[in-house]
Amino acid sequence: TRDPRERALVGRAPALAILPLLAGTAAWTYSLRERRGTVEHAADFARVPSRLGPRIGVDESFDARTLRQLHSDQILARVYHDPRSGASVELFVAYFGSQETGSQIHSPQNCLPGSGYKIVERSKWAVPSAGGRRIVNEFVIAKGPETQLVHYWFLTRSGILSNEFGLKWDLVRN
């Protein structure tokens, strides 16, 4: 028979063995806070054409409150108007050089309702691309009598993502 003090120590051995692993993981995680995106990987919004066929793009700006809330490094907000038909298409792109706390990709699934829009319909559809089929989110949103069709996806180092959970997992991996 073993001494009760010896049995207590043996019972703690697996828990004590995990401590160095936890300490190493904590140190690694803390070191990631200082990682920053490099300038050569920054978005180059000047390459986005200001004309698409007959549509002429006009850049829009946001108020200071919205910019603080979004907390992105760069924004492109452009409305392409077709002078012949009067139809318009809006483009919004936000670039996040790093995703530290408070500066992470915002999902339209959260931001649109926060801006007063109601998501009326949700669906997904596949878009063919050089890398294979990509899934894109589609929302029909409404604010008062006005309705809009919204398509969105996320582009990360890992590729194109359309799922918010996948986006969070990608953040952990990268």
C-alpha atoms as a PDB file:
ATOM      1  CA  THR A   1       0.000   0.000   0.000  1.00  0.00           C
ATOM      2  CA  ARG A   2       1.123   3.515  -0.733  1.00  0.00           C
ATOM      3  CA  ASP A   3       1.287   6.448   1.580  1.00  0.00           C
ATOM      4  CA  PRO A   4      -1.741   8.798   0.988  1.00  0.00           C
ATOM      5  CA  ARG A   5       0.676  11.698   0.305  1.00  0.00           C
ATOM      6  CA  GLU A   6       2.380   9.638  -2.408  1.00  0.00           C
ATOM      7  CA  ARG A   7      -1.004   8.773  -4.019  1.00  0.00           C
ATOM      8  CA  ALA A   8      -1.946  12.477  -4.063  1.00  0.00           C
ATOM      9  CA  LEU A   9       1.329  13.370  -5.805  1.00  0.00           C
ATOM     10  CA  VAL A  10       0.883  10.594  -8.395  1.00  0.00           C
ATOM     11  CA  GLY A  11      -2.670  11.852  -9.080  1.00  0.00           C
ATOM     12  CA  ARG A  12      -1.336  15.369  -9.761  1.00  0.00           C
ATOM     13  CA  ALA A  13       1.437  14.244 -12.112  1.00  0.00           C
ATOM     14  CA  PRO A  14      -0.636  14.428 -15.352  1.00  0.00           C
ATOM     15  CA  ALA A  15      -1.918  17.891 -14.427  1.00  0.00           C
ATOM     16  CA  LEU A  16       1.601  19.101 -13.630  1.00  0.00           C
ATOM     17  CA  ALA A  17       2.911  17.691 -16.931  1.00  0.00           C
ATOM     18  CA  ILE A  18       0.464  19.934 -18.824  1.00  0.00           C
ATOM     19  CA  LEU A  19       1.721  23.150 -17.190  1.00  0.00           C
ATOM     20  CA  PRO A  20       4.791  23.569 -19.483  1.00  0.00           C
ATOM     21  CA  LEU A  21       2.550  23.025 -22.522  1.00  0.00           C
ATOM     22  CA  LEU A  22       0.084  25.668 -21.318  1.00  0.00           C
ATOM     23  CA  ALA A  23       2.893  28.115 -20.526  1.00  0.00           C
ATOM     24  CA  GLY A  24       4.434  27.601 -23.981  1.00  0.00           C
ATOM     25  CA  THR A  25       1.072  28.080 -25.706  1.00  0.00           C
ATOM     26  CA  ALA A  26       0.422  31.263 -23.730  1.00  0.00           C
ATOM     27  CA  ALA A  27       3.859  32.671 -24.654  1.00  0.00           C
ATOM     28  CA  TRP A  28       3.350  31.814 -28.343  1.00  0.00           C
ATOM     29  CA  THR A  29      -0.115  33.384 -28.363  1.00  0.00           C
ATOM     30  CA  TYR A  30       1.202  36.552 -26.714  1.00  0.00           C
ATOM     31  CA  SER A  31       4.016  36.803 -29.292  1.00  0.00           C
ATOM     32  CA  LEU A  32       1.442  36.737 -32.120  1.00  0.00           C
ATOM     33  CA  ARG A  33       0.018  40.047 -30.891  1.00  0.00           C
ATOM     34  CA  GLU A  34       3.056  41.828 -32.329  1.00  0.00           C
ATOM     35  CA  ARG A  35       2.783  40.317 -35.826  1.00  0.00           C
ATOM     36  CA  ARG A  36       1.742  42.817 -38.469  1.00  0.00           C
ATOM     37  CA  GLY A  37       0.865  42.533 -42.119  1.00  0.00           C
ATOM     38  CA  THR A  38       3.611  43.734 -44.407  1.00  0.00           C
ATOM     39  CA  VAL A  39       3.206  46.611 -46.822  1.00  0.00           C
ATOM     40  CA  GLU A  40       3.659  44.396 -49.884  1.00  0.00           C
ATOM     41  CA  HIS A  41       0.518  42.504 -48.863  1.00  0.00           C
ATOM     42  CA  ALA A  42      -1.612  45.630 -48.405  1.00  0.00           C
ATOM     43  CA  ALA A  43      -4.673  46.101 -50.563  1.00  0.00           C
ATOM     44  CA  ASP A  44      -4.165  48.212 -53.680  1.00  0.00           C
ATOM     45  CA  PHE A  45      -7.582  49.748 -54.228  1.00  0.00           C
ATOM     46  CA  ALA A  46      -6.200  51.919 -57.035  1.00  0.00           C
ATOM     47  CA  ARG A  47      -6.318  48.773 -59.205  1.00  0.00           C
ATOM     48  CA  VAL A  48     -10.113  48.539 -58.877  1.00  0.00           C
ATOM     49  CA  PRO A  49     -11.499  50.140 -62.058  1.00  0.00           C
ATOM     50  CA  SER A  50     -13.628  53.253 -61.671  1.00  0.00           C
ATOM     51  CA  ARG A  51     -15.586  52.266 -64.801  1.00  0.00           C
ATOM     52  CA  LEU A  52     -17.326  48.954 -65.423  1.00  0.00           C
ATOM     53  CA  GLY A  53     -18.804  48.910 -68.906  1.00  0.00           C
ATOM     54  CA  PRO A  54     -21.280  51.774 -69.056  1.00  0.00           C
ATOM     55  CA  ARG A  55     -21.252  52.170 -65.255  1.00  0.00           C
ATOM     56  CA  ILE A  56     -19.277  55.062 -63.802  1.00  0.00           C
ATOM     57  CA  GLY A  57     -17.973  54.620 -60.260  1.00  0.00           C
ATOM     58  CA  VAL A  58     -18.247  57.340 -57.632  1.00  0.00           C
ATOM     59  CA  ASP A  59     -16.378  56.877 -54.367  1.00  0.00           C
ATOM     60  CA  GLU A  60     -18.291  57.383 -51.143  1.00  0.00           C
ATOM     61  CA  SER A  61     -17.040  58.213 -47.678  1.00  0.00           C
ATOM     62  CA  PHE A  62     -18.142  57.228 -44.197  1.00  0.00           C
ATOM     63  CA  ASP A  63     -18.639  59.311 -41.094  1.00  0.00           C
ATOM     64  CA  ALA A  64     -16.034  59.154 -38.316  1.00  0.00           C
ATOM     65  CA  ARG A  65     -18.273  57.034 -36.047  1.00  0.00           C
ATOM     66  CA  THR A  66     -18.653  54.315 -38.712  1.00  0.00           C
ATOM     67  CA  LEU A  67     -14.917  54.325 -39.439  1.00  0.00           C
ATOM     68  CA  ARG A  68     -14.118  53.932 -35.728  1.00  0.00           C
ATOM     69  CA  GLN A  69     -16.591  51.062 -35.447  1.00  0.00           C
ATOM     70  CA  LEU A  70     -15.228  49.283 -38.521  1.00  0.00           C
ATOM     71  CA  HIS A  71     -11.584  49.755 -37.485  1.00  0.00           C
ATOM     72  CA  SER A  72     -10.174  48.586 -40.834  1.00  0.00           C
ATOM     73  CA  ASP A  73      -6.905  49.758 -42.385  1.00  0.00           C
ATOM     74  CA  GLN A  74      -8.422  50.711 -45.745  1.00  0.00           C
ATOM     75  CA  ILE A  75     -11.906  51.011 -47.203  1.00  0.00           C
ATOM     76  CA  LEU A  76     -13.207  51.180 -50.736  1.00  0.00           C
ATOM     77  CA  ALA A  77     -16.833  52.211 -51.029  1.00  0.00           C
ATOM     78  CA  ARG A  78     -17.932  52.926 -54.575  1.00  0.00           C
ATOM     79  CA  VAL A  79     -21.284  53.198 -56.325  1.00  0.00           C
ATOM     80  CA  TYR A  80     -21.343  52.375 -60.032  1.00  0.00           C
ATOM     81  CA  HIS A  81     -24.181  54.188 -61.831  1.00  0.00           C
ATOM     82  CA  ASP A  82     -25.419  53.297 -65.293  1.00  0.00           C
ATOM     83  CA  PRO A  83     -26.399  56.631 -66.881  1.00  0.00           C
ATOM     84  CA  ARG A  84     -28.610  54.899 -69.468  1.00  0.00           C
ATOM     85  CA  SER A  85     -30.759  52.769 -67.187  1.00  0.00           C
ATOM     86  CA  GLY A  86     -30.342  54.600 -63.886  1.00  0.00           C
ATOM     87  CA  ALA A  87     -29.444  51.302 -62.189  1.00  0.00           C
ATOM     88  CA  SER A  88     -26.612  51.223 -59.683  1.00  0.00           C
ATOM     89  CA  VAL A  89     -24.320  48.663 -58.080  1.00  0.00           C
ATOM     90  CA  GLU A  90     -22.529  49.317 -54.799  1.00  0.00           C
ATOM     91  CA  LEU A  91     -19.104  47.905 -53.985  1.00  0.00           C
ATOM     92  CA  PHE A  92     -17.721  47.818 -50.455  1.00  0.00           C
ATOM     93  CA  VAL A  93     -14.321  46.366 -49.563  1.00  0.00           C
ATOM     94  CA  ALA A  94     -12.623  46.621 -46.175  1.00  0.00           C
ATOM     95  CA  TYR A  95      -8.975  45.639 -45.737  1.00  0.00           C
ATOM     96  CA  PHE A  96      -7.575  44.513 -42.381  1.00  0.00           C
ATOM     97  CA  GLY A  97      -3.758  44.296 -42.344  1.00  0.00           C
ATOM     98  CA  SER A  98      -3.888  42.492 -39.022  1.00  0.00           C
ATOM     99  CA  GLN A  99      -6.730  41.148 -36.974  1.00  0.00           C
ATOM    100  CA  GLU A 100      -5.923  42.151 -33.472  1.00  0.00           C
ATOM    101  CA  THR A 101      -8.636  42.643 -30.878  1.00  0.00           C
ATOM    102  CA  GLY A 102     -11.026  45.349 -32.041  1.00  0.00           C
ATOM    103  CA  SER A 103      -9.759  45.219 -35.620  1.00  0.00           C
ATOM    104  CA  GLN A 104     -11.308  42.100 -37.062  1.00  0.00           C
ATOM    105  CA  ILE A 105     -13.338  41.420 -40.150  1.00  0.00           C
ATOM    106  CA  HIS A 106     -16.968  42.344 -39.594  1.00  0.00           C
ATOM    107  CA  SER A 107     -19.627  40.140 -41.065  1.00  0.00           C
ATOM    108  CA  PRO A 108     -22.501  41.796 -42.932  1.00  0.00           C
ATOM    109  CA  GLN A 109     -24.650  39.287 -41.067  1.00  0.00           C
ATOM    110  CA  ASN A 110     -24.003  41.410 -37.952  1.00  0.00           C
ATOM    111  CA  CYS A 111     -23.291  44.874 -39.367  1.00  0.00           C
ATOM    112  CA  LEU A 112     -26.361  45.186 -41.591  1.00  0.00           C
ATOM    113  CA  PRO A 113     -28.892  44.593 -38.793  1.00  0.00           C
ATOM    114  CA  GLY A 114     -26.799  46.926 -36.622  1.00  0.00           C
ATOM    115  CA  SER A 115     -27.304  49.601 -39.298  1.00  0.00           C
ATOM    116  CA  GLY A 116     -31.072  49.177 -39.281  1.00  0.00           C
ATOM    117  CA  TYR A 117     -31.457  46.686 -42.139  1.00  0.00           C
ATOM    118  CA  LYS A 118     -33.592  43.569 -41.794  1.00  0.00           C
ATOM    119  CA  ILE A 119     -32.327  40.401 -43.489  1.00  0.00           C
ATOM    120  CA  VAL A 120     -35.390  39.206 -45.404  1.00  0.00           C
ATOM    121  CA  GLU A 121     -33.855  36.227 -47.250  1.00  0.00           C
ATOM    122  CA  ARG A 122     -30.631  34.245 -46.972  1.00  0.00           C
ATOM    123  CA  SER A 123     -29.101  31.894 -49.488  1.00  0.00           C
ATOM    124  CA  LYS A 124     -25.765  30.728 -50.866  1.00  0.00           C
ATOM    125  CA  TRP A 125     -24.696  30.048 -54.397  1.00  0.00           C
ATOM    126  CA  ALA A 126     -21.587  28.747 -56.127  1.00  0.00           C
ATOM    127  CA  VAL A 127     -19.499  30.935 -58.396  1.00  0.00           C
ATOM    128  CA  PRO A 128     -17.057  29.309 -60.831  1.00  0.00           C
ATOM    129  CA  SER A 129     -13.471  30.552 -60.463  1.00  0.00           C
ATOM    130  CA  ALA A 130      -9.989  29.528 -61.567  1.00  0.00           C
ATOM    131  CA  GLY A 131      -9.528  27.760 -58.218  1.00  0.00           C
ATOM    132  CA  GLY A 132     -12.812  25.869 -58.461  1.00  0.00           C
ATOM    133  CA  ARG A 133     -16.320  26.693 -57.309  1.00  0.00           C
ATOM    134  CA  ARG A 134     -16.553  29.289 -54.524  1.00  0.00           C
ATOM    135  CA  ILE A 135     -19.538  29.757 -52.257  1.00  0.00           C
ATOM    136  CA  VAL A 136     -20.965  33.279 -51.983  1.00  0.00           C
ATOM    137  CA  ASN A 137     -23.535  34.497 -49.453  1.00  0.00           C
ATOM    138  CA  GLU A 138     -26.622  36.231 -50.756  1.00  0.00           C
ATOM    139  CA  PHE A 139     -28.978  38.346 -48.656  1.00  0.00           C
ATOM    140  CA  VAL A 140     -32.050  40.314 -49.535  1.00  0.00           C
ATOM    141  CA  ILE A 141     -32.150  43.179 -47.049  1.00  0.00           C
ATOM    142  CA  ALA A 142     -34.789  45.798 -46.344  1.00  0.00           C
ATOM    143  CA  LYS A 143     -34.878  49.149 -44.607  1.00  0.00           C
ATOM    144  CA  GLY A 144     -38.295  50.713 -44.756  1.00  0.00           C
ATOM    145  CA  PRO A 145     -39.715  50.288 -48.263  1.00  0.00           C
ATOM    146  CA  GLU A 146     -36.258  49.915 -49.848  1.00  0.00           C
ATOM    147  CA  THR A 147     -34.846  46.430 -50.589  1.00  0.00           C
ATOM    148  CA  GLN A 148     -31.371  45.512 -51.773  1.00  0.00           C
ATOM    149  CA  LEU A 149     -29.569  42.388 -52.917  1.00  0.00           C
ATOM    150  CA  VAL A 150     -26.239  41.774 -51.126  1.00  0.00           C
ATOM    151  CA  HIS A 151     -23.496  39.319 -52.051  1.00  0.00           C
ATOM    152  CA  TYR A 152     -20.523  38.852 -49.779  1.00  0.00           C
ATOM    153  CA  TRP A 153     -17.553  36.645 -48.993  1.00  0.00           C
ATOM    154  CA  PHE A 154     -14.253  36.967 -47.153  1.00  0.00           C
ATOM    155  CA  LEU A 155     -10.828  36.795 -48.777  1.00  0.00           C
ATOM    156  CA  THR A 156      -8.025  35.751 -46.424  1.00  0.00           C
ATOM    157  CA  ARG A 157      -4.529  34.323 -46.768  1.00  0.00           C
ATOM    158  CA  SER A 158      -6.172  30.906 -46.908  1.00  0.00           C
ATOM    159  CA  GLY A 159      -8.478  31.804 -49.774  1.00  0.00           C
ATOM    160  CA  ILE A 160     -12.135  32.686 -50.194  1.00  0.00           C
ATOM    161  CA  LEU A 161     -14.436  31.952 -47.261  1.00  0.00           C
ATOM    162  CA  SER A 162     -18.167  32.462 -46.966  1.00  0.00           C
ATOM    163  CA  ASN A 163     -18.771  31.077 -43.501  1.00  0.00           C
ATOM    164  CA  GLU A 164     -18.317  33.188 -40.351  1.00  0.00           C
ATOM    165  CA  PHE A 165     -17.238  30.123 -38.331  1.00  0.00           C
ATOM    166  CA  GLY A 166     -14.696  29.273 -41.039  1.00  0.00           C
ATOM    167  CA  LEU A 167     -13.462  32.853 -40.839  1.00  0.00           C
ATOM    168  CA  LYS A 168     -12.874  32.553 -37.079  1.00  0.00           C
ATOM    169  CA  TRP A 169     -11.081  29.224 -37.535  1.00  0.00           C
ATOM    170  CA  ASP A 170      -8.927  30.811 -40.266  1.00  0.00           C
ATOM    171  CA  LEU A 171      -8.045  33.618 -37.860  1.00  0.00           C
ATOM    172  CA  VAL A 172      -6.835  31.079 -35.281  1.00  0.00           C
ATOM    173  CA  ARG A 173      -4.834  29.132 -37.884  1.00  0.00           C
ATOM    174  CA  ASN A 174      -3.143  32.233 -39.318  1.00  0.00           C
END
